Structure formats: structure tokens, C-alpha cells
Amino acid sequence: MKYKDKIKGLFKEEIFFEDKLILLSNSSTFDNQNQTNDTFTEKWKELDKKVDGEEYNFESYQKKWFLELYGFSSEKELGNFLKGKIIIDAGCGLGYKSNWFASLAPDSLVIGIDFSNSVILASKKYKNVENLYFVQGDIAETKIKLNSINLVICDQVIMHTENPDLTFNHLSNLLTPDGQFCCYVYSKKALPRELLDDYFRNETHKLTNDQIWELSEQLTELGKRLQELNVKINSPEIPLLGIKAGEYDIQRFIYWNFIKCFFNEELGKETSIATNFDWYSPSNAKRFSESEFIEMINNNHLEIEYFHIEEACYSGRFKKI
């Protein structure tokens, strides 16, 4: 009961619990957001059924990457950072990272929020985790009181909201004085890749999930075959196309500059297919330049504590000032 009373005090309106789940909303007034929500419901449903071993590999890979994205040297360091905080995991999906945070800091309160039906699965799977609850609702309008959350984590999600700048502003405003925000955004790629990606943002409305799964499987196979070539090339710099000079594996050269064809042998075929589905299916998938992301951070009166750059993304920890 101590956690339920604390959670009730965080919200601006009366809420009701269904065991470990709070149902606020599962639909948006924006068509693109509803289409994006539906695709992630589909993705998480399929990932939840993955073959033995792949689920563990996927979660292990994501946890290790999370430490890199947000500047933690170990789980112990992350656990110390989380200790005693009220934490929002905004866009929690199946909730495995929410559960991770809750287990690393048992004296914290973790609330996972997601628009998709994944939170229903998560609330059942982790129903015995005392300090973990889930909300089905919009992370762009959480109905949580301002200045009430010690830590907001929005990992690999904010670009899938209808207006990422407004979502970032809303989540920033939830922070207590000196609260922190961990956030990740997609980075802009070379021009040919950006043009193809923008094309799919529109075309997804015309395709069924089955068609996008089929495309994702084909692209996974393409990525696998390109990797197996084990060929490297030296590319010249082509500034007008945004192609950087350097030595590339042929699969990565095509991947970063022309078409996403993800394949990771460690994660396995099914998870690789789901990763490609994740990219090509949602209508909402905004990409940022480094300067655009930093401008958004500064505009929301946040100070950069840690900033991470890699080809796929920008991420970091930002403190409210």
C-alpha cells in the first residue's frame, strides 16, 4: 500500500489500479501516433514470443548498451545512481528495463509508462516486484504533477511521439529541482538513407503488418549476406550526400548511407527481424542532428552531465537547473 499511496499523490487526477497496472489511455487524437502505437504493440507481442535464448540475448545486449549510452561503468554504479529515487521509465515497452531499475534499487519507486498494450504484458510478468508499477498512457501527457519526479528515463522512445520537442518539454517539467533526465534520440544519417526513411514514414499507412514483417525478414537476410562477404571499402567523403570518408565494412557502409538492413548474429535472426520492423513500421520516427538535440536540452533548462555520440544516436544525462 505504501507505493500505491505514493503513486496516487503523483497524479493530478484520481487514478485506479488493476493490480500493478494503471489504465489512463491507449489511443491518441493523432493518426500517426495511433499507427505508431499499434506497430509497437505488434513488435512487443512478437518479441515476447521469441525463441529460447534470444530474449536473454536481447535484454542483456540492451542493458549493456544502456550503461554505455548514459555513462555508467557498471550495474553497481547505475544502482547507486537510482537509489532512493522516484523514477519514470517513459516508453517502457515490455518493462524489462523497468524491472532492472527496480531490482538494482529496491528502495526506489519505478513507474513504467507506455501507450502500447505491452504494459499489460509487463504488469503481469512483473506483478511480484514490489516497487514497480505500470501505466498505459501517453508519455507526452502523463497527467503527473510537475516537479515531482527525481529521474525520467526515455530510452530509444521520444522520437516515436507525435511531437518529440513537446514530449521532451513535458517530461523535463516533471523533474524535481536537481532532477535528472536520461534521453536518447535517433541521429540523422546520410541523405540517401534519410530520403528512403522518410519515404517509409508515409508508406507504412499503406502496408499491412504482415507486409512489413516480410520486408523486415528480407532486409535481415540482406544484412546477413552482406556481413558474410567480409569485404571492406574505403569511401571518399561526399559532403553533399552526407557520406563520411573512411574504411567501412560493406554491410555498414550500405546500412548507414543507403538502407537499414540490420543483422546481429549475437542477437539472432528473429530479434534482428524485429529490429528492422521497429525501424520501418512506425509513422513517427524523427531524427536529430547533434546541434538540434543540444538546442532542445538547453531550451528546457537542463545541464549536460554526460553526452554520448555514436553513428546511430545521441544520448545523455541532463540535470535540471
Protein backbone atom coordinates (compact mmCIF):
# COMPACT_ATOMS: atom_id res chain seq x y z
CA MET A 1 0.00 0.00 0.00
CA LYS A 2 2.86 2.41 0.68
CA TYR A 3 3.73 2.54 -3.03
CA LYS A 4 0.13 2.91 -4.18
CA ASP A 5 -0.42 5.87 -1.87
CA LYS A 6 2.80 7.47 -3.13
CA ILE A 7 1.77 6.94 -6.75
CA LYS A 8 -1.69 8.41 -6.15
CA GLY A 9 -0.01 11.54 -4.81
CA LEU A 10 1.99 11.96 -8.03
CA PHE A 11 -1.02 12.29 -10.34
CA LYS A 12 -3.12 15.39 -10.98
CA GLU A 13 -6.33 13.37 -11.11
CA GLU A 14 -7.79 10.32 -9.43
CA ILE A 15 -6.33 7.05 -10.69
CA PHE A 16 -7.40 3.44 -10.31
CA PHE A 17 -5.25 0.33 -10.04
CA GLU A 18 -5.79 -3.03 -11.68
CA ASP A 19 -3.24 -4.86 -9.54
CA LYS A 20 0.09 -3.34 -10.78
CA LEU A 21 -1.43 -1.51 -13.77
CA ILE A 22 -3.00 1.95 -14.11
CA LEU A 23 -5.05 2.47 -17.28
CA LEU A 24 -5.15 6.09 -18.45
CA SER A 25 -5.31 5.95 -22.26
CA ASN A 26 -4.46 3.66 -25.16
CA SER A 27 -5.29 5.95 -28.07
CA SER A 28 -4.31 9.34 -29.43
CA THR A 29 -6.08 12.11 -31.33
CA PHE A 30 -3.27 11.85 -33.93
CA ASP A 31 -3.48 9.19 -36.65
CA ASN A 32 0.29 8.83 -36.92
CA GLN A 33 0.58 8.28 -33.17
CA ASN A 34 -2.12 5.60 -33.22
CA GLN A 35 -0.40 3.85 -36.12
CA THR A 36 2.92 4.04 -34.25
CA ASN A 37 1.31 2.67 -31.06
CA ASP A 38 -0.20 -0.22 -33.00
CA THR A 39 3.13 -1.14 -34.58
CA PHE A 40 4.85 -1.25 -31.18
CA THR A 41 2.05 -3.37 -29.74
CA GLU A 42 2.73 -5.72 -32.66
CA LYS A 43 6.50 -5.61 -32.19
CA TRP A 44 6.44 -6.26 -28.44
CA LYS A 45 3.88 -9.04 -28.85
CA GLU A 46 6.18 -10.80 -31.31
CA LEU A 47 9.34 -10.18 -29.27
CA ASP A 48 7.59 -11.63 -26.22
CA LYS A 49 7.28 -14.91 -28.16
CA LYS A 50 10.93 -15.13 -29.28
CA VAL A 51 12.73 -18.44 -29.36
CA ASP A 52 14.68 -19.63 -26.31
CA GLY A 53 17.89 -17.70 -25.78
CA GLU A 54 17.09 -14.72 -28.00
CA GLU A 55 15.08 -12.91 -25.31
CA TYR A 56 18.00 -13.22 -22.89
CA ASN A 57 20.49 -12.08 -25.54
CA PHE A 58 18.32 -9.10 -26.48
CA GLU A 59 17.83 -7.93 -22.89
CA SER A 60 21.49 -8.50 -21.99
CA TYR A 61 22.61 -6.55 -25.08
CA GLN A 62 20.21 -3.68 -24.30
CA LYS A 63 21.31 -3.44 -20.66
CA LYS A 64 24.99 -3.34 -21.61
CA TRP A 65 24.24 -0.67 -24.22
CA PHE A 66 22.19 1.35 -21.72
CA LEU A 67 25.25 1.65 -19.47
CA GLU A 68 27.26 2.99 -22.43
CA LEU A 69 24.53 5.36 -23.58
CA TYR A 70 24.21 7.06 -20.21
CA GLY A 71 27.76 6.95 -18.87
CA PHE A 72 27.71 4.21 -16.25
CA SER A 73 30.73 1.93 -15.83
CA SER A 74 28.79 -0.90 -14.18
CA GLU A 75 25.41 -2.04 -12.88
CA LYS A 76 26.65 -1.16 -9.39
CA GLU A 77 27.26 2.46 -10.42
CA LEU A 78 23.83 2.61 -12.06
CA GLY A 79 22.21 1.13 -8.94
CA ASN A 80 23.82 3.78 -6.75
CA PHE A 81 22.56 6.48 -9.13
CA LEU A 82 19.00 5.10 -8.99
CA LYS A 83 18.96 4.65 -5.22
CA GLY A 84 16.01 6.21 -3.38
CA LYS A 85 14.54 7.93 -6.45
CA ILE A 86 11.06 8.15 -7.91
CA ILE A 87 11.73 7.03 -11.49
CA ILE A 88 9.63 7.22 -14.65
CA ASP A 89 10.57 4.82 -17.44
CA ALA A 90 8.85 6.66 -20.28
CA GLY A 91 8.14 4.29 -23.16
CA CYS A 92 8.94 1.14 -21.23
CA GLY A 93 7.75 -1.45 -23.77
CA LEU A 94 7.78 -4.91 -22.19
CA GLY A 95 9.17 -3.48 -18.97
CA TYR A 96 12.39 -5.47 -18.73
CA LYS A 97 14.46 -2.33 -18.12
CA SER A 98 11.88 -1.02 -15.64
CA ASN A 99 12.28 -4.30 -13.77
CA TRP A 100 16.07 -3.96 -14.00
CA PHE A 101 15.96 -0.49 -12.46
CA ALA A 102 13.63 -1.69 -9.70
CA SER A 103 15.87 -4.64 -8.86
CA LEU A 104 19.06 -2.52 -8.85
CA ALA A 105 17.50 -0.01 -6.45
CA PRO A 106 14.88 -1.77 -4.29
CA ASP A 107 14.31 1.39 -2.24
CA SER A 108 13.29 3.33 -5.36
CA LEU A 109 9.84 3.53 -6.94
CA VAL A 110 9.78 2.74 -10.67
CA ILE A 111 6.78 3.54 -12.89
CA GLY A 112 6.88 2.27 -16.46
CA ILE A 113 4.65 4.13 -18.92
CA ASP A 114 3.77 3.09 -22.46
CA PHE A 115 0.95 3.85 -24.92
CA SER A 116 1.02 0.33 -26.38
CA ASN A 117 -0.54 -2.82 -24.93
CA SER A 118 2.94 -4.00 -23.96
CA VAL A 119 2.41 -2.60 -20.45
CA ILE A 120 -0.43 -5.06 -19.89
CA LEU A 121 2.01 -7.92 -20.52
CA ALA A 122 4.64 -6.20 -18.37
CA SER A 123 2.30 -5.66 -15.42
CA LYS A 124 1.50 -9.38 -15.37
CA LYS A 125 5.07 -10.56 -15.85
CA TYR A 126 6.47 -8.37 -13.06
CA LYS A 127 3.46 -8.35 -10.72
CA ASN A 128 5.56 -9.63 -7.81
CA VAL A 129 8.10 -6.78 -7.98
CA GLU A 130 7.00 -4.64 -5.03
CA ASN A 131 8.47 -1.29 -6.13
CA LEU A 132 7.42 -1.50 -9.80
CA TYR A 133 4.15 -0.33 -11.37
CA PHE A 134 2.98 0.29 -14.92
CA VAL A 135 0.78 2.89 -16.60
CA GLN A 136 -0.84 2.65 -20.02
CA GLY A 137 -0.87 6.20 -21.27
CA ASP A 138 0.76 8.93 -23.32
CA ILE A 139 4.29 9.91 -22.28
CA ALA A 140 3.66 13.29 -23.93
CA GLU A 141 0.85 13.93 -21.41
CA THR A 142 1.42 11.73 -18.37
CA LYS A 143 -1.05 13.52 -16.05
CA ILE A 144 1.72 13.54 -13.44
CA LYS A 145 2.26 16.64 -11.31
CA LEU A 146 5.10 18.96 -12.26
CA ASN A 147 8.31 18.94 -10.17
CA SER A 148 7.53 15.52 -8.69
CA ILE A 149 9.90 13.02 -10.35
CA ASN A 150 13.58 12.57 -9.44
CA LEU A 151 14.56 10.77 -12.63
CA VAL A 152 12.93 10.43 -16.04
CA ILE A 153 14.35 7.81 -18.41
CA CYS A 154 13.19 7.93 -22.02
CA ASP A 155 15.43 5.45 -23.79
CA GLN A 156 15.01 4.96 -27.56
CA VAL A 157 11.44 6.25 -27.50
CA ILE A 158 10.93 10.01 -27.66
CA MET A 159 11.34 10.22 -31.46
CA HIS A 160 8.28 7.95 -31.80
CA THR A 161 5.96 10.53 -30.22
CA GLU A 162 3.88 12.92 -32.31
CA ASN A 163 5.97 15.95 -31.38
CA PRO A 164 9.27 14.95 -29.70
CA ASP A 165 10.11 18.56 -28.74
CA LEU A 166 6.84 18.92 -26.82
CA THR A 167 7.27 15.48 -25.24
CA PHE A 168 10.79 16.40 -24.13
CA ASN A 169 9.44 19.62 -22.61
CA HIS A 170 6.65 17.79 -20.77
CA LEU A 171 8.98 15.15 -19.32
CA SER A 172 11.54 17.80 -18.33
CA ASN A 173 8.84 19.68 -16.43
CA LEU A 174 8.09 16.61 -14.32
CA LEU A 175 11.56 16.79 -12.75
CA THR A 176 12.16 17.95 -9.21
CA PRO A 177 14.83 20.65 -8.70
CA ASP A 178 18.15 18.91 -9.47
CA GLY A 179 16.21 16.02 -11.04
CA GLN A 180 17.79 14.21 -13.99
CA PHE A 181 16.63 13.19 -17.45
CA CYS A 182 18.18 10.32 -19.42
CA CYS A 183 17.18 10.57 -23.08
CA TYR A 184 18.12 9.05 -26.45
CA VAL A 185 17.31 10.27 -29.96
CA TYR A 186 18.00 8.88 -33.41
CA SER A 187 20.73 10.72 -35.30
CA LYS A 188 20.35 11.93 -38.87
CA LYS A 189 22.12 9.74 -41.42
CA ALA A 190 23.42 10.33 -44.93
CA LEU A 191 20.99 11.96 -47.37
CA PRO A 192 20.12 8.79 -49.41
CA ARG A 193 19.27 6.94 -46.19
CA GLU A 194 17.22 9.87 -44.87
CA LEU A 195 15.21 10.10 -48.08
CA LEU A 196 14.39 6.38 -48.00
CA ASP A 197 13.49 6.53 -44.31
CA ASP A 198 11.17 9.50 -44.90
CA TYR A 199 9.51 7.62 -47.76
CA PHE A 200 8.67 4.77 -45.39
CA ARG A 201 7.22 7.11 -42.77
CA ASN A 202 4.43 7.78 -45.32
CA GLU A 203 4.19 4.36 -46.95
CA THR A 204 3.64 2.46 -43.69
CA HIS A 205 -0.01 3.55 -43.73
CA LYS A 206 -0.48 1.62 -46.98
CA LEU A 207 1.15 -1.63 -45.81
CA THR A 208 -0.12 -4.37 -43.54
CA ASN A 209 1.92 -5.64 -40.60
CA ASP A 210 2.44 -8.90 -42.50
CA GLN A 211 3.94 -6.99 -45.44
CA ILE A 212 6.30 -5.07 -43.14
CA TRP A 213 7.34 -8.29 -41.34
CA GLU A 214 8.08 -9.84 -44.74
CA LEU A 215 10.13 -6.78 -45.76
CA SER A 216 11.96 -6.90 -42.41
CA GLU A 217 12.86 -10.55 -42.90
CA GLN A 218 14.16 -9.82 -46.41
CA LEU A 219 16.29 -6.91 -45.15
CA THR A 220 17.65 -9.05 -42.32
CA GLU A 221 18.72 -11.64 -44.87
CA LEU A 222 20.33 -8.90 -46.98
CA GLY A 223 22.25 -7.64 -43.94
CA LYS A 224 23.38 -11.19 -43.12
CA ARG A 225 24.62 -11.85 -46.67
CA LEU A 226 26.46 -8.53 -46.82
CA GLN A 227 28.18 -9.32 -43.50
CA GLU A 228 29.21 -12.73 -44.77
CA LEU A 229 31.04 -11.12 -47.69
CA ASN A 230 33.55 -9.81 -45.14
CA VAL A 231 34.54 -7.02 -47.56
CA LYS A 232 35.82 -3.58 -46.58
CA ILE A 233 35.86 -0.47 -48.75
CA ASN A 234 37.47 2.95 -48.47
CA SER A 235 34.87 5.60 -49.19
CA PRO A 236 35.69 9.16 -50.22
CA GLU A 237 33.89 11.94 -48.41
CA ILE A 238 30.80 13.12 -50.29
CA PRO A 239 29.60 16.17 -48.33
CA LEU A 240 26.51 16.93 -50.40
CA LEU A 241 25.20 13.43 -49.65
CA GLY A 242 26.41 13.39 -46.06
CA ILE A 243 28.64 10.38 -46.69
CA LYS A 244 31.74 10.39 -44.49
CA ALA A 245 35.18 9.31 -45.65
CA GLY A 246 36.71 6.21 -44.13
CA GLU A 247 37.04 2.45 -44.18
CA TYR A 248 33.77 0.57 -43.83
CA ASP A 249 32.59 -2.99 -43.77
CA ILE A 250 30.36 -3.17 -46.86
CA GLN A 251 27.29 -4.01 -44.80
CA ARG A 252 27.79 -1.00 -42.52
CA PHE A 253 28.52 1.31 -45.47
CA ILE A 254 25.21 0.40 -47.08
CA TYR A 255 23.45 0.42 -43.69
CA TRP A 256 24.50 3.92 -42.61
CA ASN A 257 24.28 5.59 -46.01
CA PHE A 258 21.56 3.91 -48.04
CA ILE A 259 19.21 1.42 -46.36
CA LYS A 260 18.80 -0.05 -42.90
CA CYS A 261 19.41 -3.80 -43.18
CA PHE A 262 20.13 -4.78 -39.59
CA PHE A 263 21.62 -8.15 -38.70
CA ASN A 264 23.38 -9.11 -35.48
CA GLU A 265 24.43 -12.73 -35.12
CA GLU A 266 24.68 -12.43 -31.33
CA LEU A 267 21.07 -11.27 -31.04
CA GLY A 268 19.81 -13.86 -33.52
CA LYS A 269 17.68 -13.80 -36.63
CA GLU A 270 14.26 -13.22 -35.03
CA THR A 271 15.42 -10.28 -32.93
CA SER A 272 17.19 -8.81 -35.97
CA ILE A 273 13.94 -9.06 -37.93
CA ALA A 274 12.09 -7.31 -35.10
CA THR A 275 14.73 -4.56 -35.10
CA ASN A 276 14.14 -3.90 -38.79
CA PHE A 277 10.37 -3.99 -38.19
CA ASP A 278 10.88 -1.44 -35.41
CA TRP A 279 12.50 0.91 -37.93
CA TYR A 280 10.25 0.57 -40.96
CA SER A 281 6.82 0.20 -39.34
CA PRO A 282 6.16 3.37 -37.26
CA SER A 283 4.95 6.60 -38.85
CA ASN A 284 6.62 8.64 -36.12
CA ALA A 285 10.42 8.30 -36.10
CA LYS A 286 12.09 11.72 -36.05
CA ARG A 287 15.88 12.01 -36.41
CA PHE A 288 18.04 14.79 -34.97
CA SER A 289 21.36 16.46 -35.68
CA GLU A 290 23.68 16.89 -32.71
CA SER A 291 23.02 20.65 -32.64
CA GLU A 292 19.23 20.14 -32.72
CA PHE A 293 19.37 17.77 -29.76
CA ILE A 294 21.61 20.09 -27.73
CA GLU A 295 19.34 23.02 -28.52
CA MET A 296 16.35 21.04 -27.20
CA ILE A 297 18.28 20.25 -24.00
CA ASN A 298 19.25 23.90 -23.47
CA ASN A 299 15.77 25.21 -24.25
CA ASN A 300 14.41 23.11 -21.40
CA HIS A 301 16.87 24.49 -18.84
CA LEU A 302 18.85 21.29 -18.50
CA GLU A 303 22.58 20.98 -17.93
CA ILE A 304 24.52 18.21 -19.68
CA GLU A 305 26.06 15.81 -17.16
CA TYR A 306 27.06 13.22 -19.77
CA PHE A 307 26.73 13.21 -23.58
CA HIS A 308 27.16 10.19 -25.84
CA ILE A 309 27.60 10.16 -29.62
CA GLU A 310 27.59 7.22 -31.98
CA GLU A 311 26.55 6.69 -35.58
CA ALA A 312 23.02 5.61 -34.67
CA CYS A 313 22.14 8.11 -31.99
CA TYR A 314 22.79 10.78 -29.40
CA SER A 315 22.05 10.21 -25.73
CA GLY A 316 22.92 11.52 -22.32
CA ARG A 317 22.07 12.51 -18.76
CA PHE A 318 20.78 16.02 -18.20
CA LYS A 319 20.25 17.80 -14.88
CA LYS A 320 17.52 20.34 -14.18
CA ILE A 321 18.91 23.78 -13.37
